[in-house]
Amino acid sequence: MLHYLWLLLPVAALSGWLAARARYRGRRATERKEPRSPFLSSRYIRGLNYLLNEQQDKAIEVFIEMVEVDSETVETHIVLGNLFRRRGEVDRAIRIHQNLIARPNLSLDQRRQALLELGKDYMRAGLLDRAESVFHELVEDGIRQEEPYRLLREIYEQEKEWQRAIEVCRQQQKIGDRDLSLLMAHYHCELGEQELAQGALASAMEHARTARGLCAACVRGLLLLAEVVRARGDSGRSMKLLRTAAVEHPDMLPVLLPPIIEGFQRENDPAALEDWLRSLLEARPRPSVMLALINLLEQQGRRQEARALVEEGLEQGRMSAEVMRRYAGLLAEEYSRDDTSPIPVLSTALARLEETRPAVQCRQCGFQATKLSWQCPGCHGWDTMRPLDEWQNLKESESHEP
């Protein structure tokens, strides 16, 4: 019988250990304080009441106290600060986010998010130097989000620090999949135009070539290269570049035509200009091309030919406010002795319509303006503005031109 007792001793020991472990776990579960939801917190409810009663200062104080007690409410405070910033109460947003950053119990991700929002607060307040410092800290900390890089670029764009903007682009491309070649090409064009204005042709040429290398489809880089080449005395090559751009970028003809026409005029070859414009009009029947040809014919006193050109276009269903105004001007000479002719009134009305009509539009946000800019004033997108150079009544067969 005794030997059976010896066999039961290990079983009893194991049972006691399991029971003790169960009691220990139960006591720890009871003593452990589970994270409380902010929606069940009395402080949280009191803070909401202050907000509802427009006592925002008191609400902020309550929420800051909550951070000191429970780090689970960090996200709530970040959202609250963002709401204040969107309402224009930037000082309150800054205060909230600064207090969050000062807390030692924040995780790395929470601190980075609070820093990012604080930088946005500074930007909204116009404190660009402070915002730049915050975003730099995030970038140097190795954050893998693209937003700090984008915001840092926006600051450098406002300050026209194009070289630093290029450096940020290079850093951003290392952490993301977005191709920023077009953006960097425009930054190099900005630098090249500055150098060209100061007569530093070698440096301007370097920036133009770099822009072309980064993005061959960037018409601005081609324009800058043509300007630098002409400034260096090679007008022939400059004209070749511009005429190539007119073929490759027909949507930019209103921008490209003036320097091309100026180049023909420097060469004093109006016949060559007329031949080129007629061939271009046949290949790319755009209002800007027709207007350029009308101008040339009028300068040479060939008003009847100019009128016939417009009438041929009208028969083909092509019309625009600018072309119609020029047509009214051509008709006015024929009816100049008729005091009852409505042509002068029509010409004046069309001229006013032309003045109010936008010349360019952003392909990204739809912003319209009377003058081309390489960065949209509305959405701040680069290379999104395009001339509105279209016929108002284009035939179906021509609406799908390549």
Foldseek 3Di string as FASTA:
>chain_A
DVVVVVVCVVVVVVVVVVVVVVVVVVVCVVPDDDDDDLVPDPLSVVLVVCVVVVVNVVSLVSLLVVCVVHVVCLVVLLVVLVVCVVVVVLVSSLVSLVSNLPDPPDDPVSNLSSLQSNLVSCVSVVVLVVSLVSLVVCVVVPDLDLVSLVVNLVSCVVVLVLVVNLVSQVSSVVRDVDQCLQVNLVSLLSVLVVCVVVVVLVSSCVSLVSSCVSPVLPVSSLLSNLVSCVVVPCLVVSLVSLVVSCVSCVLACVVSVVVNVVSVVVVVNLVVVLVVLVVCCVQPVWPSSLVVNLVSCVVVVNLVVNLVSLVVCVVQVFDDLVSVLVNLVSVCVVCVVPPPDCSVVVNVVSVVVVVPDFFKAFPPPGDTHNDDDQADPPPRDGNRITTPTGGPGHDPVCVPRD
